Amino acid sequence: MKLYLKPGACSLSPHIALEESGLDYETETVDLKTKRTAAGEDYTRINPKGYVPALLLDSGELLTEGPAIVQYIADQAPAKKLAPANGTIERYRLQSWLNFIATELHKSCSPFFNPAAGEDWKKAAAANLERRLGHVNGELEGRVFLLGADFSVADAYLFTVLGWMKFVGIDLAQWPNLAAFVDRVAARPAVQAVMKAEKLA
């Protein structure tokens, strides 16, 4: 498998999932401005959407969208328990978290990385982020990870998005459960390896 990524972007989440899974994989960076891969290929010919992540499977098929990719990875290494079994209520809870992170946290960060975004848009997005982060902080009360004691691909995604808060201007210290969560995830050997590989550590 090959993961197309941009260091520090949302592709960090499936990168962590791959490293946690123990599966064989390789990565290739993408310049999202020029739409060129590190090897000089036109990325839009690989992924017409033009953004990361994208996972090229050994079959030659391409899988896009982070929440789908991380579940695929988890299902290839069931012994690692990165996702509950398909068909269980716990799996639907995982999907609920992935959807929440994607729509309420990830997307609310968009204006802070968009040069055309006005201050009103940024202010509204920051207010939404603070409400949603407060909710997640409450959900983490008494829990090690989002689903309980076991690390899952949803935790990798949450960790990725929480890492952007310093660019948004939001201090996680006001939510002790979130700050402690970030420290716990950052201490995982697989996460440290990925952060080093993406030159983020």
C-alpha atoms as a PDB file:
ATOM      1  CA  MET A   1       0.000   0.000   0.000  1.00  0.00           C
ATOM      2  CA  LYS A   2       1.058   3.557  -0.613  1.00  0.00           C
ATOM      3  CA  LEU A   3      -0.259   6.541   1.325  1.00  0.00           C
ATOM      4  CA  TYR A   4      -0.169   9.917  -0.374  1.00  0.00           C
ATOM      5  CA  LEU A   5       0.241  12.608   2.253  1.00  0.00           C
ATOM      6  CA  LYS A   6       1.206  16.133   3.135  1.00  0.00           C
ATOM      7  CA  PRO A   7       3.162  16.373   6.415  1.00  0.00           C
ATOM      8  CA  GLY A   8       0.971  17.593   9.257  1.00  0.00           C
ATOM      9  CA  ALA A   9      -2.223  17.561   7.198  1.00  0.00           C
ATOM     10  CA  CYS A  10      -5.220  15.276   7.814  1.00  0.00           C
ATOM     11  CA  SER A  11      -3.231  12.490   6.140  1.00  0.00           C
ATOM     12  CA  LEU A  12      -1.358  12.250   9.446  1.00  0.00           C
ATOM     13  CA  SER A  13      -4.312  10.243  10.783  1.00  0.00           C
ATOM     14  CA  PRO A  14      -4.069   7.302   8.309  1.00  0.00           C
ATOM     15  CA  HIS A  15      -0.274   7.497   8.547  1.00  0.00           C
ATOM     16  CA  ILE A  16      -0.582   6.851  12.297  1.00  0.00           C
ATOM     17  CA  ALA A  17      -3.124   4.084  11.623  1.00  0.00           C
ATOM     18  CA  LEU A  18      -0.737   2.378   9.193  1.00  0.00           C
ATOM     19  CA  GLU A  19       2.161   2.552  11.625  1.00  0.00           C
ATOM     20  CA  GLU A  20      -0.018   1.242  14.471  1.00  0.00           C
ATOM     21  CA  SER A  21      -1.306  -1.589  12.253  1.00  0.00           C
ATOM     22  CA  GLY A  22       2.095  -3.109  11.558  1.00  0.00           C
ATOM     23  CA  LEU A  23       1.149  -3.533   7.884  1.00  0.00           C
ATOM     24  CA  ASP A  24       3.669  -3.013   5.097  1.00  0.00           C
ATOM     25  CA  TYR A  25       3.265   0.395   3.492  1.00  0.00           C
ATOM     26  CA  GLU A  26       5.110   3.243   1.858  1.00  0.00           C
ATOM     27  CA  THR A  27       4.387   6.952   1.680  1.00  0.00           C
ATOM     28  CA  GLU A  28       4.779   9.689  -0.892  1.00  0.00           C
ATOM     29  CA  THR A  29       4.398  13.376  -0.208  1.00  0.00           C
ATOM     30  CA  VAL A  30       2.257  15.649  -2.333  1.00  0.00           C
ATOM     31  CA  ASP A  31       2.701  19.365  -2.982  1.00  0.00           C
ATOM     32  CA  LEU A  32      -0.914  20.482  -2.811  1.00  0.00           C
ATOM     33  CA  LYS A  33      -0.171  23.814  -4.489  1.00  0.00           C
ATOM     34  CA  THR A  34       1.461  22.367  -7.590  1.00  0.00           C
ATOM     35  CA  LYS A  35      -0.451  19.041  -7.393  1.00  0.00           C
ATOM     36  CA  ARG A  36       2.823  17.180  -7.913  1.00  0.00           C
ATOM     37  CA  THR A  37       4.004  14.146  -6.004  1.00  0.00           C
ATOM     38  CA  ALA A  38       7.548  13.828  -4.700  1.00  0.00           C
ATOM     39  CA  ALA A  39       8.266  11.630  -7.731  1.00  0.00           C
ATOM     40  CA  GLY A  40       7.061  14.411 -10.050  1.00  0.00           C
ATOM     41  CA  GLU A  41       3.749  12.840 -11.055  1.00  0.00           C
ATOM     42  CA  ASP A  42       0.573  14.823 -11.635  1.00  0.00           C
ATOM     43  CA  TYR A  43      -1.334  14.012  -8.467  1.00  0.00           C
ATOM     44  CA  THR A  44      -4.706  14.826 -10.032  1.00  0.00           C
ATOM     45  CA  ARG A  45      -4.197  11.846 -12.333  1.00  0.00           C
ATOM     46  CA  ILE A  46      -3.839   9.648  -9.260  1.00  0.00           C
ATOM     47  CA  ASN A  47      -6.580  11.318  -7.205  1.00  0.00           C
ATOM     48  CA  PRO A  48      -8.833  13.648  -9.223  1.00  0.00           C
ATOM     49  CA  LYS A  49     -10.021  15.280  -5.981  1.00  0.00           C
ATOM     50  CA  GLY A  50      -6.545  16.776  -5.688  1.00  0.00           C
ATOM     51  CA  TYR A  51      -6.228  16.548  -1.919  1.00  0.00           C
ATOM     52  CA  VAL A  52      -4.830  14.108   0.632  1.00  0.00           C
ATOM     53  CA  PRO A  53      -5.043  11.491   1.959  1.00  0.00           C
ATOM     54  CA  ALA A  54      -5.299   8.830  -0.706  1.00  0.00           C
ATOM     55  CA  LEU A  55      -4.364   5.187  -0.223  1.00  0.00           C
ATOM     56  CA  LEU A  56      -3.244   3.182  -3.226  1.00  0.00           C
ATOM     57  CA  LEU A  57      -4.046  -0.456  -2.544  1.00  0.00           C
ATOM     58  CA  ASP A  58      -1.948  -3.386  -3.716  1.00  0.00           C
ATOM     59  CA  SER A  59      -4.806  -4.239  -6.097  1.00  0.00           C
ATOM     60  CA  GLY A  60      -4.292  -0.903  -7.867  1.00  0.00           C
ATOM     61  CA  GLU A  61      -7.521   0.541  -6.505  1.00  0.00           C
ATOM     62  CA  LEU A  62      -7.473   3.970  -4.842  1.00  0.00           C
ATOM     63  CA  LEU A  63      -9.260   4.713  -1.597  1.00  0.00           C
ATOM     64  CA  THR A  64      -9.892   8.324  -0.577  1.00  0.00           C
ATOM     65  CA  GLU A  65     -11.399  10.175   2.416  1.00  0.00           C
ATOM     66  CA  GLY A  66      -9.683   9.775   5.776  1.00  0.00           C
ATOM     67  CA  PRO A  67     -12.525   8.134   7.767  1.00  0.00           C
ATOM     68  CA  ALA A  68     -12.915   5.444   5.093  1.00  0.00           C
ATOM     69  CA  ILE A  69      -9.164   4.900   4.752  1.00  0.00           C
ATOM     70  CA  VAL A  70      -8.528   4.462   8.476  1.00  0.00           C
ATOM     71  CA  GLN A  71     -11.350   1.914   8.796  1.00  0.00           C
ATOM     72  CA  TYR A  72      -9.946  -0.020   5.847  1.00  0.00           C
ATOM     73  CA  ILE A  73      -6.516  -0.066   7.506  1.00  0.00           C
ATOM     74  CA  ALA A  74      -7.986  -1.193  10.818  1.00  0.00           C
ATOM     75  CA  ASP A  75      -9.872  -4.030   9.134  1.00  0.00           C
ATOM     76  CA  GLN A  76      -6.646  -5.322   7.539  1.00  0.00           C
ATOM     77  CA  ALA A  77      -5.102  -5.817  10.994  1.00  0.00           C
ATOM     78  CA  PRO A  78      -7.980  -6.911  13.267  1.00  0.00           C
ATOM     79  CA  ALA A  79      -5.637  -8.230  15.963  1.00  0.00           C
ATOM     80  CA  LYS A  80      -4.466  -4.642  16.610  1.00  0.00           C
ATOM     81  CA  LYS A  81      -8.024  -3.637  17.603  1.00  0.00           C
ATOM     82  CA  LEU A  82      -7.803  -0.243  15.915  1.00  0.00           C
ATOM     83  CA  ALA A  83     -11.543  -0.465  15.210  1.00  0.00           C
ATOM     84  CA  PRO A  84     -14.327  -2.550  16.751  1.00  0.00           C
ATOM     85  CA  ALA A  85     -15.709  -5.400  14.659  1.00  0.00           C
ATOM     86  CA  ASN A  86     -18.049  -4.530  11.798  1.00  0.00           C
ATOM     87  CA  GLY A  87     -21.717  -4.799  12.661  1.00  0.00           C
ATOM     88  CA  THR A  88     -21.268  -4.091  16.375  1.00  0.00           C
ATOM     89  CA  ILE A  89     -22.696  -1.052  18.151  1.00  0.00           C
ATOM     90  CA  GLU A  90     -19.131  -0.166  19.093  1.00  0.00           C
ATOM     91  CA  ARG A  91     -18.248   0.094  15.382  1.00  0.00           C
ATOM     92  CA  TYR A  92     -21.100   2.524  14.853  1.00  0.00           C
ATOM     93  CA  ARG A  93     -19.838   4.563  17.803  1.00  0.00           C
ATOM     94  CA  LEU A  94     -16.432   4.695  16.109  1.00  0.00           C
ATOM     95  CA  GLN A  95     -18.080   5.886  12.899  1.00  0.00           C
ATOM     96  CA  SER A  96     -20.017   8.478  14.869  1.00  0.00           C
ATOM     97  CA  TRP A  97     -16.757   9.849  16.287  1.00  0.00           C
ATOM     98  CA  LEU A  98     -15.048   9.846  12.874  1.00  0.00           C
ATOM     99  CA  ASN A  99     -17.984  11.744  11.400  1.00  0.00           C
ATOM    100  CA  PHE A 100     -18.047  14.243  14.271  1.00  0.00           C
ATOM    101  CA  ILE A 101     -14.315  14.916  14.013  1.00  0.00           C
ATOM    102  CA  ALA A 102     -14.563  15.340  10.233  1.00  0.00           C
ATOM    103  CA  THR A 103     -17.556  17.656  10.147  1.00  0.00           C
ATOM    104  CA  GLU A 104     -17.437  19.558  13.431  1.00  0.00           C
ATOM    105  CA  LEU A 105     -13.697  19.844  14.131  1.00  0.00           C
ATOM    106  CA  HIS A 106     -11.751  19.280  10.908  1.00  0.00           C
ATOM    107  CA  LYS A 107     -14.012  21.411   8.704  1.00  0.00           C
ATOM    108  CA  SER A 108     -14.192  24.188  11.288  1.00  0.00           C
ATOM    109  CA  CYS A 109     -10.423  24.591  10.881  1.00  0.00           C
ATOM    110  CA  SER A 110     -10.733  25.287   7.144  1.00  0.00           C
ATOM    111  CA  PRO A 111     -10.949  29.100   7.274  1.00  0.00           C
ATOM    112  CA  PHE A 112      -7.712  29.314   9.256  1.00  0.00           C
ATOM    113  CA  PHE A 113      -5.832  27.735   6.353  1.00  0.00           C
ATOM    114  CA  ASN A 114      -7.700  29.667   3.656  1.00  0.00           C
ATOM    115  CA  PRO A 115      -6.092  33.020   2.695  1.00  0.00           C
ATOM    116  CA  ALA A 116      -9.446  34.221   1.343  1.00  0.00           C
ATOM    117  CA  ALA A 117     -11.280  33.674   4.640  1.00  0.00           C
ATOM    118  CA  GLY A 118     -12.513  36.828   6.345  1.00  0.00           C
ATOM    119  CA  GLU A 119     -12.355  37.549  10.067  1.00  0.00           C
ATOM    120  CA  ASP A 120     -16.088  36.986  10.559  1.00  0.00           C
ATOM    121  CA  TRP A 121     -15.812  33.477   9.151  1.00  0.00           C
ATOM    122  CA  LYS A 122     -12.791  32.746  11.342  1.00  0.00           C
ATOM    123  CA  LYS A 123     -14.542  34.111  14.431  1.00  0.00           C
ATOM    124  CA  ALA A 124     -17.618  31.944  13.819  1.00  0.00           C
ATOM    125  CA  ALA A 125     -15.445  28.881  13.172  1.00  0.00           C
ATOM    126  CA  ALA A 126     -13.439  29.468  16.359  1.00  0.00           C
ATOM    127  CA  ALA A 127     -16.634  29.750  18.413  1.00  0.00           C
ATOM    128  CA  ASN A 128     -17.896  26.482  16.940  1.00  0.00           C
ATOM    129  CA  LEU A 129     -14.568  24.798  17.625  1.00  0.00           C
ATOM    130  CA  GLU A 130     -14.575  25.891  21.244  1.00  0.00           C
ATOM    131  CA  ARG A 131     -18.100  24.524  21.778  1.00  0.00           C
ATOM    132  CA  ARG A 132     -17.231  21.212  20.135  1.00  0.00           C
ATOM    133  CA  LEU A 133     -13.900  20.879  21.948  1.00  0.00           C
ATOM    134  CA  GLY A 134     -15.716  21.418  25.219  1.00  0.00           C
ATOM    135  CA  HIS A 135     -18.034  18.555  24.296  1.00  0.00           C
ATOM    136  CA  VAL A 136     -15.133  16.199  23.509  1.00  0.00           C
ATOM    137  CA  ASN A 137     -13.404  17.213  26.731  1.00  0.00           C
ATOM    138  CA  GLY A 138     -16.507  16.144  28.635  1.00  0.00           C
ATOM    139  CA  GLU A 139     -16.744  12.854  26.742  1.00  0.00           C
ATOM    140  CA  LEU A 140     -13.134  12.035  27.656  1.00  0.00           C
ATOM    141  CA  GLU A 141     -13.824  12.411  31.375  1.00  0.00           C
ATOM    142  CA  GLY A 142     -12.799   9.124  32.985  1.00  0.00           C
ATOM    143  CA  ARG A 143     -11.706   7.631  29.645  1.00  0.00           C
ATOM    144  CA  VAL A 144      -8.266   6.921  28.273  1.00  0.00           C
ATOM    145  CA  PHE A 145      -9.423   7.123  24.640  1.00  0.00           C
ATOM    146  CA  LEU A 146     -12.618   8.016  22.789  1.00  0.00           C
ATOM    147  CA  LEU A 147     -14.030   4.477  22.898  1.00  0.00           C
ATOM    148  CA  GLY A 148     -12.676   3.623  26.322  1.00  0.00           C
ATOM    149  CA  ALA A 149      -9.457   1.814  27.168  1.00  0.00           C
ATOM    150  CA  ASP A 150      -8.370   0.877  23.624  1.00  0.00           C
ATOM    151  CA  PHE A 151      -6.687   3.226  21.147  1.00  0.00           C
ATOM    152  CA  SER A 152      -8.643   3.412  17.884  1.00  0.00           C
ATOM    153  CA  VAL A 153      -8.350   5.118  14.515  1.00  0.00           C
ATOM    154  CA  ALA A 154     -10.737   7.795  15.834  1.00  0.00           C
ATOM    155  CA  ASP A 155      -8.084   8.742  18.384  1.00  0.00           C
ATOM    156  CA  ALA A 156      -5.519   9.126  15.606  1.00  0.00           C
ATOM    157  CA  TYR A 157      -7.886  11.502  13.790  1.00  0.00           C
ATOM    158  CA  LEU A 158      -8.691  13.514  16.910  1.00  0.00           C
ATOM    159  CA  PHE A 159      -4.980  13.798  17.745  1.00  0.00           C
ATOM    160  CA  THR A 160      -4.304  15.071  14.218  1.00  0.00           C
ATOM    161  CA  VAL A 161      -6.955  17.789  14.382  1.00  0.00           C
ATOM    162  CA  LEU A 162      -6.052  18.846  17.921  1.00  0.00           C
ATOM    163  CA  GLY A 163      -2.512  19.411  16.665  1.00  0.00           C
ATOM    164  CA  TRP A 164      -3.836  22.230  14.470  1.00  0.00           C
ATOM    165  CA  MET A 165      -5.207  24.249  17.398  1.00  0.00           C
ATOM    166  CA  LYS A 166      -1.924  26.107  17.807  1.00  0.00           C
ATOM    167  CA  PHE A 167      -2.386  27.471  14.272  1.00  0.00           C
ATOM    168  CA  VAL A 168      -6.009  28.367  15.023  1.00  0.00           C
ATOM    169  CA  GLY A 169      -5.020  30.214  18.205  1.00  0.00           C
ATOM    170  CA  ILE A 170      -6.889  27.954  20.615  1.00  0.00           C
ATOM    171  CA  ASP A 171      -5.086  26.849  23.788  1.00  0.00           C
ATOM    172  CA  LEU A 172      -6.020  23.294  24.775  1.00  0.00           C
ATOM    173  CA  ALA A 173      -4.924  23.937  28.357  1.00  0.00           C
ATOM    174  CA  GLN A 174      -8.453  25.139  29.122  1.00  0.00           C
ATOM    175  CA  TRP A 175      -9.669  21.565  28.547  1.00  0.00           C
ATOM    176  CA  PRO A 176      -7.541  19.309  30.804  1.00  0.00           C
ATOM    177  CA  ASN A 177      -8.919  16.056  29.376  1.00  0.00           C
ATOM    178  CA  LEU A 178      -8.007  17.098  25.828  1.00  0.00           C
ATOM    179  CA  ALA A 179      -4.518  18.222  26.842  1.00  0.00           C
ATOM    180  CA  ALA A 180      -3.912  14.927  28.667  1.00  0.00           C
ATOM    181  CA  PHE A 181      -5.271  12.986  25.678  1.00  0.00           C
ATOM    182  CA  VAL A 182      -2.804  14.683  23.324  1.00  0.00           C
ATOM    183  CA  ASP A 183       0.072  13.810  25.654  1.00  0.00           C
ATOM    184  CA  ARG A 184      -1.039  10.156  25.877  1.00  0.00           C
ATOM    185  CA  VAL A 185      -1.327   9.739  22.128  1.00  0.00           C
ATOM    186  CA  ALA A 186       1.934  11.604  21.467  1.00  0.00           C
ATOM    187  CA  ALA A 187       3.747   9.158  23.762  1.00  0.00           C
ATOM    188  CA  ARG A 188       2.777   6.123  21.664  1.00  0.00           C
ATOM    189  CA  PRO A 189       5.812   4.664  19.806  1.00  0.00           C
ATOM    190  CA  ALA A 190       3.943   4.481  16.482  1.00  0.00           C
ATOM    191  CA  VAL A 191       2.887   8.120  16.767  1.00  0.00           C
ATOM    192  CA  GLN A 192       6.431   9.189  17.617  1.00  0.00           C
ATOM    193  CA  ALA A 193       7.729   7.289  14.581  1.00  0.00           C
ATOM    194  CA  VAL A 194       5.215   8.978  12.279  1.00  0.00           C
ATOM    195  CA  MET A 195       5.860  12.433  13.698  1.00  0.00           C
ATOM    196  CA  LYS A 196       9.582  11.879  13.094  1.00  0.00           C
ATOM    197  CA  ALA A 197       8.960  10.594   9.566  1.00  0.00           C
ATOM    198  CA  GLU A 198       6.862  13.671   8.724  1.00  0.00           C
ATOM    199  CA  LYS A 199       9.459  15.920  10.409  1.00  0.00           C
ATOM    200  CA  LEU A 200       6.862  17.207  12.886  1.00  0.00           C
ATOM    201  CA  ALA A 201       8.697  16.166  16.045  1.00  0.00           C
END
